Amino acid sequence: MHCPRCGQEQAAGNLKFCSKCGMPLTLVAEVVANGGDMPRLRELAAKPGILTRSLGLKLALCWFLVLDFLLVPLVALAGGEEIVAVIAILGFVGAMLIAVVSILFLKNPSTQYDVPVQGVQELNAPPIANEALPAAQTQSAEDYAAPAGSWKAPDTGDLVRPGSVTEGTTRLLKKEDETTE
């Protein structure tokens, strides 16, 4: 995988940052691993909010139908002549108001992904020029040597390598032969 900012080839695909320019590569690795798709953004887009444009338009239609075609006849049958006109006007004007507000202010759920602006800015940023390595840091061997008198070399005489298994078996067989004779 190559860094999209500086073009540096990465040693492993699971690096979090570019080794040359330091760009975060977690999202890039996720996009490459999923064939150019970002499942996290798809999940966010799949969960629409409660109030959407289509729900607002459905609410406006239901408001109009319930008030003008259900309540107006019921109130007219009950004998309220003055209130029938108010309910009919309220049903029509209220439905229009709900429809206009939902069209103007509510978002329609879409399948397009909103890419964070910060991520786009990082991808389009010019490469950082890190041409030189940092200054060398040297330490003398005395810094690593043990202090005199307080350190004792370990006794490694116990770590003698044993002989092979067949040598021991051969010796035992020879001893058995000697004892049986």
Foldseek 3Di string as FASTA:
>chain_A
DAQLAPRDDDPDLPDQADPAQGQGCPVVSCCVVVVNDDVVQQVVLVDDDPQALVVLLVVLVVLLCCQLVPVLVVVVVVPDPVVSVVSNVCSVVVSVVSNVCSVPPGHHRDSDGDDDPVVVCSSPDHGDDPPDDDDDDDDDVVVVDDDPPPDDDDDCPVVDDDDDPVVVVVVVVVVVVVVVD
